[in-house]
PDB file of N, CA and C in Angstrom:
ATOM      1  N   MET A   1     257.084 -41.746 -54.966  1.00  0.00           N
ATOM      2  CA  MET A   1     258.331 -41.109 -54.615  1.00  0.00           C
ATOM      3  C   MET A   1     258.066 -40.130 -53.486  1.00  0.00           C
ATOM      4  N   LEU A   2     259.001 -40.067 -52.558  1.00  0.00           N
ATOM      5  CA  LEU A   2     258.922 -39.069 -51.505  1.00  0.00           C
ATOM      6  C   LEU A   2     259.444 -37.737 -52.038  1.00  0.00           C
ATOM      7  N   LYS A   3     259.157 -36.664 -51.331  1.00  0.00           N
ATOM      8  CA  LYS A   3     259.556 -35.343 -51.833  1.00  0.00           C
ATOM      9  C   LYS A   3     261.065 -35.188 -51.945  1.00  0.00           C
ATOM     10  N   ASP A   4     261.834 -36.028 -51.237  1.00  0.00           N
ATOM     11  CA  ASP A   4     263.298 -35.957 -51.356  1.00  0.00           C
ATOM     12  C   ASP A   4     263.828 -36.753 -52.545  1.00  0.00           C
ATOM     13  N   GLY A   5     262.920 -37.379 -53.324  1.00  0.00           N
ATOM     14  CA  GLY A   5     263.315 -38.129 -54.511  1.00  0.00           C
ATOM     15  C   GLY A   5     263.420 -39.624 -54.314  1.00  0.00           C
ATOM     16  N   THR A   6     263.251 -40.101 -53.080  1.00  0.00           N
ATOM     17  CA  THR A   6     263.326 -41.529 -52.801  1.00  0.00           C
ATOM     18  C   THR A   6     262.126 -42.250 -53.403  1.00  0.00           C
ATOM     19  N   VAL A   7     262.368 -43.226 -54.253  1.00  0.00           N
ATOM     20  CA  VAL A   7     261.287 -44.012 -54.850  1.00  0.00           C
ATOM     21  C   VAL A   7     260.847 -45.058 -53.836  1.00  0.00           C
ATOM     22  N   VAL A   8     259.541 -45.082 -53.522  1.00  0.00           N
ATOM     23  CA  VAL A   8     259.021 -46.002 -52.508  1.00  0.00           C
ATOM     24  C   VAL A   8     258.035 -47.012 -53.073  1.00  0.00           C
ATOM     25  N   GLY A   9     257.778 -46.956 -54.378  1.00  0.00           N
ATOM     26  CA  GLY A   9     256.872 -47.924 -54.980  1.00  0.00           C
ATOM     27  C   GLY A   9     256.401 -47.483 -56.343  1.00  0.00           C
ATOM     28  N   LYS A  10     255.511 -48.293 -56.918  1.00  0.00           N
ATOM     29  CA  LYS A  10     254.905 -47.983 -58.214  1.00  0.00           C
ATOM     30  C   LYS A  10     253.434 -47.690 -57.989  1.00  0.00           C
ATOM     31  N   HIS A  11     252.904 -46.763 -58.765  1.00  0.00           N
ATOM     32  CA  HIS A  11     251.488 -46.422 -58.629  1.00  0.00           C
ATOM     33  C   HIS A  11     250.686 -47.041 -59.755  1.00  0.00           C
ATOM     34  N   LYS A  12     249.366 -46.966 -59.621  1.00  0.00           N
ATOM     35  CA  LYS A  12     248.474 -47.591 -60.602  1.00  0.00           C
ATOM     36  C   LYS A  12     247.994 -46.612 -61.676  1.00  0.00           C
ATOM     37  N   GLY A  13     248.678 -45.506 -61.840  1.00  0.00           N
ATOM     38  CA  GLY A  13     248.309 -44.495 -62.833  1.00  0.00           C
ATOM     39  C   GLY A  13     247.934 -43.198 -62.148  1.00  0.00           C
ATOM     40  N   ILE A  14     248.467 -42.087 -62.635  1.00  0.00           N
ATOM     41  CA  ILE A  14     248.271 -40.803 -61.961  1.00  0.00           C
ATOM     42  C   ILE A  14     246.810 -40.374 -61.901  1.00  0.00           C
ATOM     43  N   VAL A  15     245.964 -40.886 -62.783  1.00  0.00           N
ATOM     44  CA  VAL A  15     244.549 -40.503 -62.765  1.00  0.00           C
ATOM     45  C   VAL A  15     243.833 -40.992 -61.510  1.00  0.00           C
ATOM     46  N   HIS A  16     244.432 -41.892 -60.771  1.00  0.00           N
ATOM     47  CA  HIS A  16     243.813 -42.451 -59.564  1.00  0.00           C
ATOM     48  C   HIS A  16     244.158 -41.677 -58.294  1.00  0.00           C
ATOM     49  N   TYR A  17     244.860 -40.540 -58.428  1.00  0.00           N
ATOM     50  CA  TYR A  17     245.323 -39.810 -57.253  1.00  0.00           C
ATOM     51  C   TYR A  17     244.931 -38.341 -57.331  1.00  0.00           C
ATOM     52  N   THR A  18     244.788 -37.730 -56.145  1.00  0.00           N
ATOM     53  CA  THR A  18     244.447 -36.322 -56.012  1.00  0.00           C
ATOM     54  C   THR A  18     245.402 -35.690 -55.009  1.00  0.00           C
ATOM     55  N   VAL A  19     245.834 -34.474 -55.282  1.00  0.00           N
ATOM     56  CA  VAL A  19     246.692 -33.766 -54.330  1.00  0.00           C
ATOM     57  C   VAL A  19     245.943 -33.642 -53.006  1.00  0.00           C
ATOM     58  N   GLY A  20     246.621 -34.009 -51.918  1.00  0.00           N
ATOM     59  CA  GLY A  20     246.019 -33.990 -50.596  1.00  0.00           C
ATOM     60  C   GLY A  20     245.492 -35.340 -50.144  1.00  0.00           C
ATOM     61  N   GLN A  21     245.393 -36.293 -51.069  1.00  0.00           N
ATOM     62  CA  GLN A  21     244.860 -37.619 -50.758  1.00  0.00           C
ATOM     63  C   GLN A  21     245.743 -38.361 -49.769  1.00  0.00           C
ATOM     64  N   ARG A  22     245.101 -39.067 -48.820  1.00  0.00           N
ATOM     65  CA  ARG A  22     245.840 -39.885 -47.857  1.00  0.00           C
ATOM     66  C   ARG A  22     245.401 -41.339 -47.931  1.00  0.00           C
ATOM     67  N   LYS A  23     244.123 -41.578 -48.111  1.00  0.00           N
ATOM     68  CA  LYS A  23     243.584 -42.940 -48.123  1.00  0.00           C
ATOM     69  C   LYS A  23     243.755 -43.579 -49.495  1.00  0.00           C
ATOM     70  N   GLY A  24     243.889 -44.895 -49.507  1.00  0.00           N
ATOM     71  CA  GLY A  24     243.917 -45.640 -50.761  1.00  0.00           C
ATOM     72  C   GLY A  24     245.206 -45.541 -51.548  1.00  0.00           C
ATOM     73  N   LEU A  25     246.294 -45.151 -50.910  1.00  0.00           N
ATOM     74  CA  LEU A  25     247.564 -45.018 -51.623  1.00  0.00           C
ATOM     75  C   LEU A  25     248.263 -46.362 -51.793  1.00  0.00           C
ATOM     76  N   GLY A  26     247.918 -47.339 -50.972  1.00  0.00           N
ATOM     77  CA  GLY A  26     248.500 -48.671 -51.108  1.00  0.00           C
ATOM     78  C   GLY A  26     249.965 -48.743 -50.728  1.00  0.00           C
ATOM     79  N   ILE A  27     250.366 -47.905 -49.784  1.00  0.00           N
ATOM     80  CA  ILE A  27     251.759 -47.908 -49.358  1.00  0.00           C
ATOM     81  C   ILE A  27     251.810 -47.675 -47.840  1.00  0.00           C
ATOM     82  N   ALA A  28     252.680 -48.421 -47.166  1.00  0.00           N
ATOM     83  CA  ALA A  28     252.836 -48.284 -45.717  1.00  0.00           C
ATOM     84  C   ALA A  28     254.286 -47.925 -45.415  1.00  0.00           C
ATOM     85  N   LEU A  29     254.484 -46.768 -44.841  1.00  0.00           N
ATOM     86  CA  LEU A  29     255.834 -46.303 -44.530  1.00  0.00           C
ATOM     87  C   LEU A  29     256.048 -46.146 -43.028  1.00  0.00           C
ATOM     88  N   GLY A  30     255.060 -46.525 -42.224  1.00  0.00           N
ATOM     89  CA  GLY A  30     255.172 -46.375 -40.783  1.00  0.00           C
ATOM     90  C   GLY A  30     254.677 -45.038 -40.275  1.00  0.00           C
ATOM     91  N   PHE A  31     254.253 -44.176 -41.173  1.00  0.00           N
ATOM     92  CA  PHE A  31     253.672 -42.880 -40.830  1.00  0.00           C
ATOM     93  C   PHE A  31     252.710 -42.514 -41.958  1.00  0.00           C
ATOM     94  N   PRO A  32     251.676 -41.704 -41.666  1.00  0.00           N
ATOM     95  CA  PRO A  32     250.730 -41.315 -42.718  1.00  0.00           C
ATOM     96  C   PRO A  32     251.417 -40.494 -43.806  1.00  0.00           C
ATOM     97  N   VAL A  33     251.106 -40.807 -45.061  1.00  0.00           N
ATOM     98  CA  VAL A  33     251.641 -40.018 -46.182  1.00  0.00           C
ATOM     99  C   VAL A  33     250.488 -39.452 -47.000  1.00  0.00           C
ATOM    100  N   PHE A  34     250.742 -38.348 -47.634  1.00  0.00           N
ATOM    101  CA  PHE A  34     249.761 -37.623 -48.422  1.00  0.00           C
ATOM    102  C   PHE A  34     250.343 -37.345 -49.801  1.00  0.00           C
ATOM    103  N   VAL A  35     249.489 -37.225 -50.805  1.00  0.00           N
ATOM    104  CA  VAL A  35     249.928 -36.842 -52.145  1.00  0.00           C
ATOM    105  C   VAL A  35     250.210 -35.339 -52.122  1.00  0.00           C
ATOM    106  N   LEU A  36     251.458 -34.976 -52.397  1.00  0.00           N
ATOM    107  CA  LEU A  36     251.866 -33.575 -52.422  1.00  0.00           C
ATOM    108  C   LEU A  36     251.778 -32.984 -53.819  1.00  0.00           C
ATOM    109  N   GLU A  37     252.069 -33.821 -54.809  1.00  0.00           N
ATOM    110  CA  GLU A  37     252.186 -33.326 -56.183  1.00  0.00           C
ATOM    111  C   GLU A  37     251.997 -34.485 -57.149  1.00  0.00           C
ATOM    112  N   ILE A  38     251.405 -34.181 -58.291  1.00  0.00           N
ATOM    113  CA  ILE A  38     251.285 -35.160 -59.375  1.00  0.00           C
ATOM    114  C   ILE A  38     252.001 -34.570 -60.576  1.00  0.00           C
ATOM    115  N   ARG A  39     252.975 -35.312 -61.101  1.00  0.00           N
ATOM    116  CA  ARG A  39     253.793 -34.832 -62.223  1.00  0.00           C
ATOM    117  C   ARG A  39     253.487 -35.648 -63.470  1.00  0.00           C
ATOM    118  N   PRO A  40     252.552 -35.192 -64.297  1.00  0.00           N
ATOM    119  CA  PRO A  40     252.177 -35.956 -65.493  1.00  0.00           C
ATOM    120  C   PRO A  40     253.320 -36.132 -66.489  1.00  0.00           C
ATOM    121  N   GLN A  41     254.225 -35.145 -66.572  1.00  0.00           N
ATOM    122  CA  GLN A  41     255.314 -35.212 -67.548  1.00  0.00           C
ATOM    123  C   GLN A  41     256.243 -36.399 -67.276  1.00  0.00           C
ATOM    124  N   THR A  42     256.427 -36.725 -65.995  1.00  0.00           N
ATOM    125  CA  THR A  42     257.336 -37.810 -65.625  1.00  0.00           C
ATOM    126  C   THR A  42     256.600 -39.007 -65.023  1.00  0.00           C
ATOM    127  N   ASN A  43     255.261 -38.941 -64.996  1.00  0.00           N
ATOM    128  CA  ASN A  43     254.426 -40.020 -64.450  1.00  0.00           C
ATOM    129  C   ASN A  43     254.770 -40.321 -62.995  1.00  0.00           C
ATOM    130  N   GLU A  44     254.955 -39.258 -62.197  1.00  0.00           N
ATOM    131  CA  GLU A  44     255.329 -39.414 -60.796  1.00  0.00           C
ATOM    132  C   GLU A  44     254.234 -38.885 -59.875  1.00  0.00           C
ATOM    133  N   VAL A  45     254.049 -39.580 -58.758  1.00  0.00           N
ATOM    134  CA  VAL A  45     253.186 -39.124 -57.673  1.00  0.00           C
ATOM    135  C   VAL A  45     254.115 -38.882 -56.485  1.00  0.00           C
ATOM    136  N   VAL A  46     254.162 -37.646 -56.001  1.00  0.00           N
ATOM    137  CA  VAL A  46     255.072 -37.270 -54.922  1.00  0.00           C
ATOM    138  C   VAL A  46     254.314 -37.300 -53.597  1.00  0.00           C
ATOM    139  N   LEU A  47     254.882 -38.013 -52.615  1.00  0.00           N
ATOM    140  CA  LEU A  47     254.267 -38.169 -51.304  1.00  0.00           C
ATOM    141  C   LEU A  47     255.063 -37.446 -50.240  1.00  0.00           C
ATOM    142  N   GLY A  48     254.393 -37.117 -49.133  1.00  0.00           N
ATOM    143  CA  GLY A  48     255.077 -36.498 -48.011  1.00  0.00           C
ATOM    144  C   GLY A  48     254.245 -36.585 -46.756  1.00  0.00           C
ATOM    145  N   LYS A  49     254.779 -36.063 -45.682  1.00  0.00           N
ATOM    146  CA  LYS A  49     254.095 -36.047 -44.396  1.00  0.00           C
ATOM    147  C   LYS A  49     253.059 -34.927 -44.360  1.00  0.00           C
ATOM    148  N   LYS A  50     252.186 -34.981 -43.364  1.00  0.00           N
ATOM    149  CA  LYS A  50     251.123 -33.979 -43.249  1.00  0.00           C
ATOM    150  C   LYS A  50     251.680 -32.560 -43.234  1.00  0.00           C
ATOM    151  N   GLU A  51     252.769 -32.341 -42.494  1.00  0.00           N
ATOM    152  CA  GLU A  51     253.314 -30.984 -42.419  1.00  0.00           C
ATOM    153  C   GLU A  51     253.807 -30.479 -43.781  1.00  0.00           C
ATOM    154  N   ASP A  52     254.102 -31.394 -44.697  1.00  0.00           N
ATOM    155  CA  ASP A  52     254.516 -31.003 -46.044  1.00  0.00           C
ATOM    156  C   ASP A  52     253.350 -30.471 -46.870  1.00  0.00           C
ATOM    157  N   THR A  53     252.123 -30.741 -46.428  1.00  0.00           N
ATOM    158  CA  THR A  53     250.936 -30.300 -47.172  1.00  0.00           C
ATOM    159  C   THR A  53     250.495 -28.899 -46.788  1.00  0.00           C
ATOM    160  N   LEU A  54     251.027 -28.361 -45.697  1.00  0.00           N
ATOM    161  CA  LEU A  54     250.550 -27.093 -45.160  1.00  0.00           C
ATOM    162  C   LEU A  54     251.195 -25.899 -45.854  1.00  0.00           C
ATOM    163  N   SER A  55     250.413 -24.850 -46.016  1.00  0.00           N
ATOM    164  CA  SER A  55     250.894 -23.633 -46.662  1.00  0.00           C
ATOM    165  C   SER A  55     250.101 -22.438 -46.141  1.00  0.00           C
ATOM    166  N   THR A  56     250.691 -21.274 -46.175  1.00  0.00           N
ATOM    167  CA  THR A  56     249.975 -20.063 -45.788  1.00  0.00           C
ATOM    168  C   THR A  56     249.515 -19.265 -46.999  1.00  0.00           C
ATOM    169  N   HIS A  57     249.921 -19.703 -48.210  1.00  0.00           N
ATOM    170  CA  HIS A  57     249.558 -18.994 -49.436  1.00  0.00           C
ATOM    171  C   HIS A  57     249.016 -19.977 -50.459  1.00  0.00           C
ATOM    172  N   ILE A  58     248.137 -19.472 -51.301  1.00  0.00           N
ATOM    173  CA  ILE A  58     247.603 -20.271 -52.398  1.00  0.00           C
ATOM    174  C   ILE A  58     247.439 -19.367 -53.608  1.00  0.00           C
ATOM    175  N   ARG A  59     247.726 -19.898 -54.756  1.00  0.00           N
ATOM    176  CA  ARG A  59     247.546 -19.154 -56.005  1.00  0.00           C
ATOM    177  C   ARG A  59     246.383 -19.804 -56.739  1.00  0.00           C
ATOM    178  N   ILE A  60     245.396 -19.012 -57.102  1.00  0.00           N
ATOM    179  CA  ILE A  60     244.212 -19.568 -57.747  1.00  0.00           C
ATOM    180  C   ILE A  60     244.132 -19.152 -59.203  1.00  0.00           C
ATOM    181  N   GLY A  61     243.504 -19.989 -60.002  1.00  0.00           N
ATOM    182  CA  GLY A  61     243.346 -19.693 -61.419  1.00  0.00           C
ATOM    183  C   GLY A  61     241.922 -19.387 -61.810  1.00  0.00           C
ATOM    184  N   GLU A  62     240.974 -20.028 -61.150  1.00  0.00           N
ATOM    185  CA  GLU A  62     239.564 -19.770 -61.428  1.00  0.00           C
ATOM    186  C   GLU A  62     238.879 -19.440 -60.118  1.00  0.00           C
ATOM    187  N   LEU A  63     237.992 -18.492 -60.143  1.00  0.00           N
ATOM    188  CA  LEU A  63     237.372 -17.998 -58.933  1.00  0.00           C
ATOM    189  C   LEU A  63     235.864 -18.034 -59.081  1.00  0.00           C
ATOM    190  N   ASN A  64     235.177 -18.554 -58.081  1.00  0.00           N
ATOM    191  CA  ASN A  64     233.726 -18.581 -58.067  1.00  0.00           C
ATOM    192  C   ASN A  64     233.256 -17.554 -57.048  1.00  0.00           C
ATOM    193  N   LEU A  65     232.786 -16.410 -57.535  1.00  0.00           N
ATOM    194  CA  LEU A  65     232.303 -15.360 -56.638  1.00  0.00           C
ATOM    195  C   LEU A  65     230.839 -15.630 -56.327  1.00  0.00           C
ATOM    196  N   MET A  66     230.546 -15.989 -55.101  1.00  0.00           N
ATOM    197  CA  MET A  66     229.181 -16.356 -54.751  1.00  0.00           C
ATOM    198  C   MET A  66     228.362 -15.181 -54.222  1.00  0.00           C
ATOM    199  N   SER A  67     228.988 -14.133 -53.727  1.00  0.00           N
ATOM    200  CA  SER A  67     228.226 -13.026 -53.154  1.00  0.00           C
ATOM    201  C   SER A  67     228.669 -11.664 -53.698  1.00  0.00           C
ATOM    202  N   GLU A  68     229.467 -11.667 -54.740  1.00  0.00           N
ATOM    203  CA  GLU A  68     229.940 -10.418 -55.342  1.00  0.00           C
ATOM    204  C   GLU A  68     229.702 -10.482 -56.849  1.00  0.00           C
ATOM    205  N   GLU A  69     229.358  -9.358 -57.457  1.00  0.00           N
ATOM    206  CA  GLU A  69     229.169  -9.330 -58.909  1.00  0.00           C
ATOM    207  C   GLU A  69     230.497  -9.364 -59.648  1.00  0.00           C
ATOM    208  N   ARG A  70     231.491  -8.691 -59.116  1.00  0.00           N
ATOM    209  CA  ARG A  70     232.821  -8.696 -59.711  1.00  0.00           C
ATOM    210  C   ARG A  70     233.840  -8.745 -58.593  1.00  0.00           C
ATOM    211  N   PHE A  71     235.077  -9.006 -58.943  1.00  0.00           N
ATOM    212  CA  PHE A  71     236.094  -9.179 -57.916  1.00  0.00           C
ATOM    213  C   PHE A  71     236.348  -7.866 -57.201  1.00  0.00           C
ATOM    214  N   PRO A  72     236.102  -7.831 -55.894  1.00  0.00           N
ATOM    215  CA  PRO A  72     236.313  -6.586 -55.143  1.00  0.00           C
ATOM    216  C   PRO A  72     237.778  -6.394 -54.781  1.00  0.00           C
ATOM    217  N   ARG A  73     238.358  -5.287 -55.172  1.00  0.00           N
ATOM    218  CA  ARG A  73     239.754  -4.976 -54.854  1.00  0.00           C
ATOM    219  C   ARG A  73     239.837  -4.413 -53.435  1.00  0.00           C
ATOM    220  N   ASN A  74     240.931  -4.667 -52.755  1.00  0.00           N
ATOM    221  CA  ASN A  74     241.199  -4.128 -51.421  1.00  0.00           C
ATOM    222  C   ASN A  74     240.110  -4.451 -50.400  1.00  0.00           C
ATOM    223  N   LYS A  75     239.554  -5.637 -50.501  1.00  0.00           N
ATOM    224  CA  LYS A  75     238.546  -6.079 -49.548  1.00  0.00           C
ATOM    225  C   LYS A  75     238.931  -7.481 -49.080  1.00  0.00           C
ATOM    226  N   THR A  76     238.850  -7.711 -47.788  1.00  0.00           N
ATOM    227  CA  THR A  76     239.128  -9.045 -47.269  1.00  0.00           C
ATOM    228  C   THR A  76     237.936  -9.948 -47.555  1.00  0.00           C
ATOM    229  N   LEU A  77     238.214 -11.112 -48.085  1.00  0.00           N
ATOM    230  CA  LEU A  77     237.162 -12.064 -48.444  1.00  0.00           C
ATOM    231  C   LEU A  77     237.292 -13.328 -47.612  1.00  0.00           C
ATOM    232  N   TRP A  78     236.287 -14.180 -47.677  1.00  0.00           N
ATOM    233  CA  TRP A  78     236.296 -15.471 -47.017  1.00  0.00           C
ATOM    234  C   TRP A  78     236.408 -16.514 -48.119  1.00  0.00           C
ATOM    235  N   GLY A  79     237.433 -17.356 -48.067  1.00  0.00           N
ATOM    236  CA  GLY A  79     237.650 -18.329 -49.130  1.00  0.00           C
ATOM    237  C   GLY A  79     237.627 -19.754 -48.625  1.00  0.00           C
ATOM    238  N   LYS A  80     237.140 -20.659 -49.480  1.00  0.00           N
ATOM    239  CA  LYS A  80     237.122 -22.090 -49.166  1.00  0.00           C
ATOM    240  C   LYS A  80     237.837 -22.821 -50.292  1.00  0.00           C
ATOM    241  N   ILE A  81     238.692 -23.794 -49.943  1.00  0.00           N
ATOM    242  CA  ILE A  81     239.417 -24.533 -50.965  1.00  0.00           C
ATOM    243  C   ILE A  81     238.755 -25.859 -51.302  1.00  0.00           C
ATOM    244  N   ARG A  82     237.818 -26.303 -50.465  1.00  0.00           N
ATOM    245  CA  ARG A  82     237.045 -27.515 -50.700  1.00  0.00           C
ATOM    246  C   ARG A  82     235.665 -27.300 -50.141  1.00  0.00           C
ATOM    247  N   TYR A  83     234.708 -28.078 -50.598  1.00  0.00           N
ATOM    248  CA  TYR A  83     233.320 -27.879 -50.177  1.00  0.00           C
ATOM    249  C   TYR A  83     233.147 -28.026 -48.666  1.00  0.00           C
ATOM    250  N   ASN A  84     233.914 -28.909 -48.026  1.00  0.00           N
ATOM    251  CA  ASN A  84     233.758 -29.112 -46.588  1.00  0.00           C
ATOM    252  C   ASN A  84     234.812 -28.369 -45.762  1.00  0.00           C
ATOM    253  N   HIS A  85     235.589 -27.519 -46.405  1.00  0.00           N
ATOM    254  CA  HIS A  85     236.589 -26.696 -45.713  1.00  0.00           C
ATOM    255  C   HIS A  85     235.860 -25.579 -44.980  1.00  0.00           C
ATOM    256  N   LYS A  86     236.256 -25.278 -43.735  1.00  0.00           N
ATOM    257  CA  LYS A  86     235.554 -24.241 -42.970  1.00  0.00           C
ATOM    258  C   LYS A  86     235.803 -22.842 -43.524  1.00  0.00           C
ATOM    259  N   GLY A  87     236.830 -22.683 -44.331  1.00  0.00           N
ATOM    260  CA  GLY A  87     237.110 -21.386 -44.937  1.00  0.00           C
ATOM    261  C   GLY A  87     238.104 -20.575 -44.131  1.00  0.00           C
ATOM    262  N   GLY A  88     238.582 -19.517 -44.736  1.00  0.00           N
ATOM    263  CA  GLY A  88     239.532 -18.638 -44.077  1.00  0.00           C
ATOM    264  C   GLY A  88     239.591 -17.290 -44.772  1.00  0.00           C
ATOM    265  N   ARG A  89     240.092 -16.309 -44.056  1.00  0.00           N
ATOM    266  CA  ARG A  89     240.206 -14.968 -44.638  1.00  0.00           C
ATOM    267  C   ARG A  89     241.234 -14.976 -45.761  1.00  0.00           C
ATOM    268  N   CYS A  90     240.969 -14.229 -46.795  1.00  0.00           N
ATOM    269  CA  CYS A  90     241.920 -14.128 -47.900  1.00  0.00           C
ATOM    270  C   CYS A  90     241.827 -12.723 -48.497  1.00  0.00           C
ATOM    271  N   ARG A  91     242.840 -12.399 -49.271  1.00  0.00           N
ATOM    272  CA  ARG A  91     242.851 -11.090 -49.921  1.00  0.00           C
ATOM    273  C   ARG A  91     243.548 -11.200 -51.262  1.00  0.00           C
ATOM    274  N   HIS A  92     243.246 -10.304 -52.126  1.00  0.00           N
ATOM    275  CA  HIS A  92     243.855 -10.260 -53.449  1.00  0.00           C
ATOM    276  C   HIS A  92     245.244  -9.645 -53.335  1.00  0.00           C
ATOM    277  N   ARG A  93     246.184 -10.248 -54.018  1.00  0.00           N
ATOM    278  CA  ARG A  93     247.535  -9.689 -54.074  1.00  0.00           C
ATOM    279  C   ARG A  93     248.006  -9.802 -55.501  1.00  0.00           C
ATOM    280  N   THR A  94     248.458  -8.714 -56.075  1.00  0.00           N
ATOM    281  CA  THR A  94     248.938  -8.720 -57.443  1.00  0.00           C
ATOM    282  C   THR A  94     250.412  -9.105 -57.461  1.00  0.00           C
ATOM    283  N   GLY A  95     250.795  -9.761 -58.523  1.00  0.00           N
ATOM    284  CA  GLY A  95     252.206 -10.125 -58.667  1.00  0.00           C
ATOM    285  C   GLY A  95     252.494 -11.490 -58.105  1.00  0.00           C
ATOM    286  N   GLY A  96     253.759 -11.868 -58.124  1.00  0.00           N
ATOM    287  CA  GLY A  96     254.025 -13.210 -57.704  1.00  0.00           C
ATOM    288  C   GLY A  96     255.193 -13.383 -56.875  1.00  0.00           C
TER     289      GLY A  96
END
């Protein structure tokens, strides 16, 4: 399904997909599509264009501190979202 709700095909099971995935989707729409979201409750894989994958904010649940003993407050850190990601500046923000 596209992010606007348009159904474009059937998938082979949500366990075969990862958010951000582009290759191996088995669907041709005339433009590259990426997995935006996986909805286990409804068994849906939501697809979209590359620009739909971009964000300036991320909310994390587990943190691997590689050079700090505890989470430093009010300090700019360098964060990576994947092992081969070049990383980017990040900071702690309370609330939502």
